[in-house]
Amino acid sequence: MSGAVKAGRVLVVDDDPRLVRLVREVLTAAGYEVMASHSGERAIQAVAVDPTDLVLLDIMLEDTDGYRVARRIREFSDVPIVMLTAKVSETDMLAGFDSGADDYITKPFSSKELLARVRAVLKRTQRTGVSTSGTIVCGDLTIDLARRRVLVGERQVYLTATEYSLLYQMAVHLDQVVLHEDLLTQVWGPEYRGDVDYLRSYIHYLRKKLERDPSNPTMIVNIQSVGYMLATPTPEAMGRDA
């Protein structure tokens, strides 16, 4: 076994025994401990009582759908979730992100792609960042770096590990433009540096969680064809007198 691989525990949730067997063989050979569930409801219970490092979750299950399972898991856990799907439309991808997924893999996939995605998700969700202490304030937004806690006013906002990492990268460059490729590289890894549509999807959901009016954002600002900036809102944008 290669010493470069940091083993973790992976829960595979799929009702196709052949796919489960393939995933188990590939990940076990790479040093991961693999558990499996053919039921969405049992998978929710498994995550609740037996913590794991990553969930590979099929969208289409016999007893429920992966979106519902992901939302239920997000009620009590921030474990990384990678959706397995035969669907490739933007609508399906956005639905996965909206339910709390950190990434997705389109079927059929190769062993190489599976390992690359699993490693990339675990790497970015385990990354602590350069600074782990202090607080960053941007208008009504407060980011407690030590606790990885995000507040809008007095309201605590739940972010997935990937969403937090994206917000963090913009926050540590407050009021500065961060290039698309830099955000993609820092949050997802160099293999994602050209996937701007992927980045836009996450920005969309960050705005839904953080902005007063997501359709007219004042904090997470798009610099056309260049990048994004976490900008300190003006008093007018915050609805206050100057």
C-alpha atoms as a PDB file:
ATOM      1  CA  MET A   1       0.000   0.000   0.000  1.00  0.00           C
ATOM      2  CA  SER A   2       1.353   3.413  -0.933  1.00  0.00           C
ATOM      3  CA  GLY A   3       2.232   5.679   1.957  1.00  0.00           C
ATOM      4  CA  ALA A   4       0.953   8.649  -0.075  1.00  0.00           C
ATOM      5  CA  VAL A   5      -2.651   7.578   0.459  1.00  0.00           C
ATOM      6  CA  LYS A   6      -4.310   8.647   3.667  1.00  0.00           C
ATOM      7  CA  ALA A   7      -6.923   5.982   4.277  1.00  0.00           C
ATOM      8  CA  GLY A   8     -10.417   6.980   5.296  1.00  0.00           C
ATOM      9  CA  ARG A   9     -13.826   5.406   5.862  1.00  0.00           C
ATOM     10  CA  VAL A  10     -16.202   5.601   2.908  1.00  0.00           C
ATOM     11  CA  LEU A  11     -19.914   4.750   2.922  1.00  0.00           C
ATOM     12  CA  VAL A  12     -21.247   3.717  -0.500  1.00  0.00           C
ATOM     13  CA  VAL A  13     -25.011   4.139  -0.866  1.00  0.00           C
ATOM     14  CA  ASP A  14     -26.289   2.425  -4.016  1.00  0.00           C
ATOM     15  CA  ASP A  15     -28.818  -0.319  -4.770  1.00  0.00           C
ATOM     16  CA  ASP A  16     -26.756  -1.730  -7.660  1.00  0.00           C
ATOM     17  CA  PRO A  17     -24.648  -4.589  -6.218  1.00  0.00           C
ATOM     18  CA  ARG A  18     -22.268  -4.525  -9.182  1.00  0.00           C
ATOM     19  CA  LEU A  19     -21.435  -0.868  -8.709  1.00  0.00           C
ATOM     20  CA  VAL A  20     -20.997  -1.316  -4.966  1.00  0.00           C
ATOM     21  CA  ARG A  21     -18.638  -4.227  -5.594  1.00  0.00           C
ATOM     22  CA  LEU A  22     -16.600  -2.182  -8.097  1.00  0.00           C
ATOM     23  CA  VAL A  23     -16.318   0.811  -5.767  1.00  0.00           C
ATOM     24  CA  ARG A  24     -15.405  -1.424  -2.835  1.00  0.00           C
ATOM     25  CA  GLU A  25     -12.638  -3.159  -4.807  1.00  0.00           C
ATOM     26  CA  VAL A  26     -11.140   0.089  -6.106  1.00  0.00           C
ATOM     27  CA  LEU A  27     -11.208   1.959  -2.801  1.00  0.00           C
ATOM     28  CA  THR A  28     -10.127  -0.995  -0.663  1.00  0.00           C
ATOM     29  CA  ALA A  29      -7.116  -1.515  -2.925  1.00  0.00           C
ATOM     30  CA  ALA A  30      -6.237   2.152  -2.381  1.00  0.00           C
ATOM     31  CA  GLY A  31      -6.321   1.780   1.407  1.00  0.00           C
ATOM     32  CA  TYR A  32      -9.831   2.948   2.258  1.00  0.00           C
ATOM     33  CA  GLU A  33     -12.246   1.179   4.565  1.00  0.00           C
ATOM     34  CA  VAL A  34     -15.503   0.746   2.659  1.00  0.00           C
ATOM     35  CA  MET A  35     -18.998   0.241   4.050  1.00  0.00           C
ATOM     36  CA  ALA A  36     -22.106  -0.170   1.926  1.00  0.00           C
ATOM     37  CA  SER A  37     -25.841   0.426   2.170  1.00  0.00           C
ATOM     38  CA  HIS A  38     -28.505  -0.357  -0.419  1.00  0.00           C
ATOM     39  CA  SER A  39     -31.101   1.781   1.385  1.00  0.00           C
ATOM     40  CA  GLY A  40     -31.204   5.544   1.773  1.00  0.00           C
ATOM     41  CA  GLU A  41     -32.948   5.336   5.146  1.00  0.00           C
ATOM     42  CA  ARG A  42     -30.380   2.871   6.512  1.00  0.00           C
ATOM     43  CA  ALA A  43     -27.591   5.064   5.173  1.00  0.00           C
ATOM     44  CA  ILE A  44     -28.918   8.028   7.174  1.00  0.00           C
ATOM     45  CA  GLN A  45     -28.935   5.887  10.316  1.00  0.00           C
ATOM     46  CA  ALA A  46     -25.433   4.592   9.552  1.00  0.00           C
ATOM     47  CA  VAL A  47     -23.982   8.103   9.291  1.00  0.00           C
ATOM     48  CA  ALA A  48     -25.725   9.106  12.520  1.00  0.00           C
ATOM     49  CA  VAL A  49     -24.368   6.233  14.624  1.00  0.00           C
ATOM     50  CA  ASP A  50     -21.106   5.343  12.874  1.00  0.00           C
ATOM     51  CA  PRO A  51     -19.179   8.429  11.673  1.00  0.00           C
ATOM     52  CA  THR A  52     -17.513   8.148   8.296  1.00  0.00           C
ATOM     53  CA  ASP A  53     -15.145  10.352   6.290  1.00  0.00           C
ATOM     54  CA  LEU A  54     -17.057  10.400   3.002  1.00  0.00           C
ATOM     55  CA  VAL A  55     -20.408   9.324   1.561  1.00  0.00           C
ATOM     56  CA  LEU A  56     -20.739   8.192  -2.058  1.00  0.00           C
ATOM     57  CA  LEU A  57     -24.474   8.573  -2.666  1.00  0.00           C
ATOM     58  CA  ASP A  58     -26.459   7.441  -5.691  1.00  0.00           C
ATOM     59  CA  ILE A  59     -29.259   9.800  -6.719  1.00  0.00           C
ATOM     60  CA  MET A  60     -31.673   7.033  -7.737  1.00  0.00           C
ATOM     61  CA  LEU A  61     -32.454   4.621  -4.886  1.00  0.00           C
ATOM     62  CA  GLU A  62     -35.320   2.177  -4.525  1.00  0.00           C
ATOM     63  CA  ASP A  63     -36.657   3.509  -1.232  1.00  0.00           C
ATOM     64  CA  THR A  64     -35.991   7.239  -1.731  1.00  0.00           C
ATOM     65  CA  ASP A  65     -33.780   9.600  -3.721  1.00  0.00           C
ATOM     66  CA  GLY A  66     -30.248  10.781  -3.001  1.00  0.00           C
ATOM     67  CA  TYR A  67     -31.275  14.432  -2.696  1.00  0.00           C
ATOM     68  CA  ARG A  68     -33.543  13.641   0.244  1.00  0.00           C
ATOM     69  CA  VAL A  69     -30.879  11.484   1.862  1.00  0.00           C
ATOM     70  CA  ALA A  70     -28.304  14.265   1.510  1.00  0.00           C
ATOM     71  CA  ARG A  71     -30.665  16.833   3.042  1.00  0.00           C
ATOM     72  CA  ARG A  72     -31.382  14.535   5.986  1.00  0.00           C
ATOM     73  CA  ILE A  73     -27.675  13.922   6.576  1.00  0.00           C
ATOM     74  CA  ARG A  74     -27.006  17.668   6.418  1.00  0.00           C
ATOM     75  CA  GLU A  75     -29.378  18.166   9.356  1.00  0.00           C
ATOM     76  CA  PHE A  76     -26.798  16.623  11.696  1.00  0.00           C
ATOM     77  CA  SER A  77     -23.510  16.051   9.844  1.00  0.00           C
ATOM     78  CA  ASP A  78     -21.037  17.917   7.630  1.00  0.00           C
ATOM     79  CA  VAL A  79     -19.531  14.696   6.239  1.00  0.00           C
ATOM     80  CA  PRO A  80     -18.490  15.207   2.581  1.00  0.00           C
ATOM     81  CA  ILE A  81     -21.083  13.848   0.149  1.00  0.00           C
ATOM     82  CA  VAL A  82     -20.312  12.901  -3.449  1.00  0.00           C
ATOM     83  CA  MET A  83     -23.355  12.196  -5.605  1.00  0.00           C
ATOM     84  CA  LEU A  84     -23.258   9.319  -8.093  1.00  0.00           C
ATOM     85  CA  THR A  85     -25.467  10.047 -11.075  1.00  0.00           C
ATOM     86  CA  ALA A  86     -26.201   8.977 -14.622  1.00  0.00           C
ATOM     87  CA  LYS A  87     -27.712  12.424 -15.180  1.00  0.00           C
ATOM     88  CA  VAL A  88     -25.505  15.211 -16.464  1.00  0.00           C
ATOM     89  CA  SER A  89     -27.871  18.188 -16.801  1.00  0.00           C
ATOM     90  CA  GLU A  90     -27.126  21.448 -15.017  1.00  0.00           C
ATOM     91  CA  THR A  91     -30.494  21.174 -13.245  1.00  0.00           C
ATOM     92  CA  ASP A  92     -29.549  17.853 -11.684  1.00  0.00           C
ATOM     93  CA  MET A  93     -26.111  19.139 -10.712  1.00  0.00           C
ATOM     94  CA  LEU A  94     -27.614  22.219  -9.041  1.00  0.00           C
ATOM     95  CA  ALA A  95     -30.170  20.044  -7.224  1.00  0.00           C
ATOM     96  CA  GLY A  96     -27.294  18.015  -5.811  1.00  0.00           C
ATOM     97  CA  PHE A  97     -25.465  21.095  -4.591  1.00  0.00           C
ATOM     98  CA  ASP A  98     -28.693  22.501  -3.151  1.00  0.00           C
ATOM     99  CA  SER A  99     -29.167  19.332  -1.103  1.00  0.00           C
ATOM    100  CA  GLY A 100     -25.681  19.687   0.386  1.00  0.00           C
ATOM    101  CA  ALA A 101     -23.469  17.650  -1.948  1.00  0.00           C
ATOM    102  CA  ASP A 102     -19.789  18.532  -2.195  1.00  0.00           C
ATOM    103  CA  ASP A 103     -19.157  16.991  -5.611  1.00  0.00           C
ATOM    104  CA  TYR A 104     -20.618  14.601  -8.143  1.00  0.00           C
ATOM    105  CA  ILE A 105     -19.397  11.745 -10.351  1.00  0.00           C
ATOM    106  CA  THR A 106     -21.203  10.884 -13.564  1.00  0.00           C
ATOM    107  CA  LYS A 107     -21.781   7.216 -14.386  1.00  0.00           C
ATOM    108  CA  PRO A 108     -20.117   5.354 -15.925  1.00  0.00           C
ATOM    109  CA  PHE A 109     -16.819   6.369 -14.343  1.00  0.00           C
ATOM    110  CA  SER A 110     -13.349   4.860 -14.382  1.00  0.00           C
ATOM    111  CA  SER A 111     -11.412   3.624 -11.365  1.00  0.00           C
ATOM    112  CA  LYS A 112      -8.937   6.465 -11.925  1.00  0.00           C
ATOM    113  CA  GLU A 113     -11.679   9.109 -11.901  1.00  0.00           C
ATOM    114  CA  LEU A 114     -13.289   7.617  -8.784  1.00  0.00           C
ATOM    115  CA  LEU A 115     -10.025   7.694  -6.848  1.00  0.00           C
ATOM    116  CA  ALA A 116      -9.183  11.197  -8.041  1.00  0.00           C
ATOM    117  CA  ARG A 117     -12.559  12.580  -6.938  1.00  0.00           C
ATOM    118  CA  VAL A 118     -12.482  10.829  -3.562  1.00  0.00           C
ATOM    119  CA  ARG A 119      -8.972  12.064  -2.835  1.00  0.00           C
ATOM    120  CA  ALA A 120      -9.754  15.600  -3.997  1.00  0.00           C
ATOM    121  CA  VAL A 121     -12.895  15.886  -1.848  1.00  0.00           C
ATOM    122  CA  LEU A 122     -11.183  14.502   1.254  1.00  0.00           C
ATOM    123  CA  LYS A 123      -8.195  16.776   0.717  1.00  0.00           C
ATOM    124  CA  ARG A 124     -10.199  19.962   0.411  1.00  0.00           C
ATOM    125  CA  THR A 125     -12.630  19.167   3.230  1.00  0.00           C
ATOM    126  CA  GLN A 126      -9.783  18.274   5.612  1.00  0.00           C
ATOM    127  CA  ARG A 127      -7.787  21.376   4.716  1.00  0.00           C
ATOM    128  CA  THR A 128      -7.685  23.862   7.573  1.00  0.00           C
ATOM    129  CA  GLY A 129      -6.441  26.887   5.622  1.00  0.00           C
ATOM    130  CA  VAL A 130      -3.612  29.290   6.404  1.00  0.00           C
ATOM    131  CA  SER A 131      -5.315  31.025   9.288  1.00  0.00           C
ATOM    132  CA  THR A 132      -7.323  29.124  11.903  1.00  0.00           C
ATOM    133  CA  SER A 133      -7.809  31.923  14.407  1.00  0.00           C
ATOM    134  CA  GLY A 134      -9.427  35.318  14.411  1.00  0.00           C
ATOM    135  CA  THR A 135     -12.583  36.708  12.873  1.00  0.00           C
ATOM    136  CA  ILE A 136     -13.351  38.213   9.482  1.00  0.00           C
ATOM    137  CA  VAL A 137     -16.222  40.699   9.276  1.00  0.00           C
ATOM    138  CA  CYS A 138     -17.844  41.836   6.030  1.00  0.00           C
ATOM    139  CA  GLY A 139     -20.940  43.915   6.661  1.00  0.00           C
ATOM    140  CA  ASP A 140     -23.451  41.651   8.432  1.00  0.00           C
ATOM    141  CA  LEU A 141     -21.304  38.612   7.657  1.00  0.00           C
ATOM    142  CA  THR A 142     -19.024  37.286  10.403  1.00  0.00           C
ATOM    143  CA  ILE A 143     -16.663  34.347   9.919  1.00  0.00           C
ATOM    144  CA  ASP A 144     -15.237  32.802  13.087  1.00  0.00           C
ATOM    145  CA  LEU A 145     -12.155  31.058  11.715  1.00  0.00           C
ATOM    146  CA  ALA A 146     -11.344  29.091  14.845  1.00  0.00           C
ATOM    147  CA  ARG A 147     -14.821  27.549  15.047  1.00  0.00           C
ATOM    148  CA  ARG A 148     -15.461  27.569  11.272  1.00  0.00           C
ATOM    149  CA  ARG A 149     -18.697  29.316  12.191  1.00  0.00           C
ATOM    150  CA  VAL A 150     -20.525  31.692   9.852  1.00  0.00           C
ATOM    151  CA  LEU A 151     -23.088  34.263  10.980  1.00  0.00           C
ATOM    152  CA  VAL A 152     -25.276  36.688   9.062  1.00  0.00           C
ATOM    153  CA  GLY A 153     -26.327  39.140  11.724  1.00  0.00           C
ATOM    154  CA  GLU A 154     -27.295  36.933  14.664  1.00  0.00           C
ATOM    155  CA  ARG A 155     -28.274  34.007  12.439  1.00  0.00           C
ATOM    156  CA  GLN A 156     -25.872  31.092  12.122  1.00  0.00           C
ATOM    157  CA  VAL A 157     -25.568  29.855   8.544  1.00  0.00           C
ATOM    158  CA  TYR A 158     -24.778  26.259   7.753  1.00  0.00           C
ATOM    159  CA  LEU A 159     -22.229  25.761   4.966  1.00  0.00           C
ATOM    160  CA  THR A 160     -20.883  22.540   3.534  1.00  0.00           C
ATOM    161  CA  ALA A 161     -17.137  22.054   3.844  1.00  0.00           C
ATOM    162  CA  THR A 162     -16.678  23.040   0.209  1.00  0.00           C
ATOM    163  CA  GLU A 163     -18.843  26.149   0.538  1.00  0.00           C
ATOM    164  CA  TYR A 164     -16.899  27.197   3.627  1.00  0.00           C
ATOM    165  CA  SER A 165     -13.588  26.683   1.837  1.00  0.00           C
ATOM    166  CA  LEU A 166     -14.772  28.844  -1.074  1.00  0.00           C
ATOM    167  CA  LEU A 167     -15.990  31.586   1.251  1.00  0.00           C
ATOM    168  CA  TYR A 168     -12.729  31.414   3.198  1.00  0.00           C
ATOM    169  CA  GLN A 169     -10.628  31.907   0.061  1.00  0.00           C
ATOM    170  CA  MET A 170     -12.568  35.060  -0.795  1.00  0.00           C
ATOM    171  CA  ALA A 171     -12.693  36.284   2.802  1.00  0.00           C
ATOM    172  CA  VAL A 172      -8.923  36.207   3.327  1.00  0.00           C
ATOM    173  CA  HIS A 173      -8.705  38.440   0.246  1.00  0.00           C
ATOM    174  CA  LEU A 174     -11.504  40.752   1.386  1.00  0.00           C
ATOM    175  CA  ASP A 175     -12.264  43.520  -1.133  1.00  0.00           C
ATOM    176  CA  GLN A 176      -9.835  41.972  -3.623  1.00  0.00           C
ATOM    177  CA  VAL A 177     -10.678  40.139  -6.830  1.00  0.00           C
ATOM    178  CA  VAL A 178      -9.777  36.430  -6.751  1.00  0.00           C
ATOM    179  CA  LEU A 179      -9.378  34.911 -10.203  1.00  0.00           C
ATOM    180  CA  HIS A 180     -11.620  32.056 -11.296  1.00  0.00           C
ATOM    181  CA  GLU A 181      -8.680  29.708 -11.776  1.00  0.00           C
ATOM    182  CA  ASP A 182      -7.220  30.602  -8.370  1.00  0.00           C
ATOM    183  CA  LEU A 183     -10.498  29.841  -6.576  1.00  0.00           C
ATOM    184  CA  LEU A 184     -10.913  26.570  -8.453  1.00  0.00           C
ATOM    185  CA  THR A 185      -7.329  25.524  -7.757  1.00  0.00           C
ATOM    186  CA  GLN A 186      -7.359  26.461  -4.076  1.00  0.00           C
ATOM    187  CA  VAL A 187     -10.772  24.971  -3.267  1.00  0.00           C
ATOM    188  CA  TRP A 188     -11.102  21.998  -5.625  1.00  0.00           C
ATOM    189  CA  GLY A 189      -7.594  21.350  -6.897  1.00  0.00           C
ATOM    190  CA  PRO A 190      -5.588  22.079 -10.058  1.00  0.00           C
ATOM    191  CA  GLU A 191      -7.559  19.579 -12.128  1.00  0.00           C
ATOM    192  CA  TYR A 192     -10.632  21.853 -11.770  1.00  0.00           C
ATOM    193  CA  ARG A 193      -8.929  25.139 -12.742  1.00  0.00           C
ATOM    194  CA  GLY A 194     -10.854  25.487 -16.018  1.00  0.00           C
ATOM    195  CA  ASP A 195     -14.306  24.465 -14.739  1.00  0.00           C
ATOM    196  CA  VAL A 196     -15.831  27.922 -14.303  1.00  0.00           C
ATOM    197  CA  ASP A 197     -19.425  26.609 -14.552  1.00  0.00           C
ATOM    198  CA  TYR A 198     -18.716  24.474 -11.489  1.00  0.00           C
ATOM    199  CA  LEU A 199     -17.574  27.561  -9.600  1.00  0.00           C
ATOM    200  CA  ARG A 200     -20.653  29.537 -10.669  1.00  0.00           C
ATOM    201  CA  SER A 201     -22.908  26.849  -9.228  1.00  0.00           C
ATOM    202  CA  TYR A 202     -21.281  27.129  -5.802  1.00  0.00           C
ATOM    203  CA  ILE A 203     -21.314  30.927  -5.902  1.00  0.00           C
ATOM    204  CA  HIS A 204     -25.054  30.711  -6.645  1.00  0.00           C
ATOM    205  CA  TYR A 205     -25.698  28.729  -3.472  1.00  0.00           C
ATOM    206  CA  LEU A 206     -23.382  30.813  -1.318  1.00  0.00           C
ATOM    207  CA  ARG A 207     -25.368  33.866  -2.365  1.00  0.00           C
ATOM    208  CA  LYS A 208     -28.643  32.126  -1.503  1.00  0.00           C
ATOM    209  CA  LYS A 209     -27.356  31.487   2.006  1.00  0.00           C
ATOM    210  CA  LEU A 210     -25.560  34.786   2.647  1.00  0.00           C
ATOM    211  CA  GLU A 211     -27.064  37.595   0.589  1.00  0.00           C
ATOM    212  CA  ARG A 212     -30.179  39.580   1.506  1.00  0.00           C
ATOM    213  CA  ASP A 213     -31.210  39.522  -2.147  1.00  0.00           C
ATOM    214  CA  PRO A 214     -29.335  36.718  -3.973  1.00  0.00           C
ATOM    215  CA  SER A 215     -30.553  37.997  -7.338  1.00  0.00           C
ATOM    216  CA  ASN A 216     -28.932  41.360  -6.615  1.00  0.00           C
ATOM    217  CA  PRO A 217     -25.785  40.431  -4.649  1.00  0.00           C
ATOM    218  CA  THR A 218     -23.868  43.076  -2.756  1.00  0.00           C
ATOM    219  CA  MET A 219     -21.224  40.957  -0.995  1.00  0.00           C
ATOM    220  CA  ILE A 220     -20.182  38.230  -3.424  1.00  0.00           C
ATOM    221  CA  VAL A 221     -19.490  40.315  -6.495  1.00  0.00           C
ATOM    222  CA  ASN A 222     -18.860  38.964  -9.985  1.00  0.00           C
ATOM    223  CA  ILE A 223     -16.046  40.605 -11.936  1.00  0.00           C
ATOM    224  CA  GLN A 224     -17.050  39.656 -15.460  1.00  0.00           C
ATOM    225  CA  SER A 225     -14.786  37.019 -17.039  1.00  0.00           C
ATOM    226  CA  VAL A 226     -12.173  37.554 -14.315  1.00  0.00           C
ATOM    227  CA  GLY A 227     -13.230  36.282 -10.902  1.00  0.00           C
ATOM    228  CA  TYR A 228     -15.177  37.014  -7.733  1.00  0.00           C
ATOM    229  CA  MET A 229     -14.711  39.359  -4.813  1.00  0.00           C
ATOM    230  CA  LEU A 230     -16.090  39.343  -1.289  1.00  0.00           C
ATOM    231  CA  ALA A 231     -16.807  43.069  -1.013  1.00  0.00           C
ATOM    232  CA  THR A 232     -17.630  45.050   2.093  1.00  0.00           C
ATOM    233  CA  PRO A 233     -21.183  46.336   1.425  1.00  0.00           C
ATOM    234  CA  THR A 234     -21.799  50.051   1.342  1.00  0.00           C
ATOM    235  CA  PRO A 235     -24.159  51.518   3.971  1.00  0.00           C
ATOM    236  CA  GLU A 236     -26.766  51.960   1.217  1.00  0.00           C
ATOM    237  CA  ALA A 237     -26.534  48.286   0.262  1.00  0.00           C
ATOM    238  CA  MET A 238     -26.967  47.286   3.902  1.00  0.00           C
ATOM    239  CA  GLY A 239     -30.050  49.482   4.227  1.00  0.00           C
ATOM    240  CA  ARG A 240     -28.406  51.873   6.637  1.00  0.00           C
ATOM    241  CA  ASP A 241     -27.805  55.597   6.713  1.00  0.00           C
ATOM    242  CA  ALA A 242     -24.277  56.661   5.736  1.00  0.00           C
END
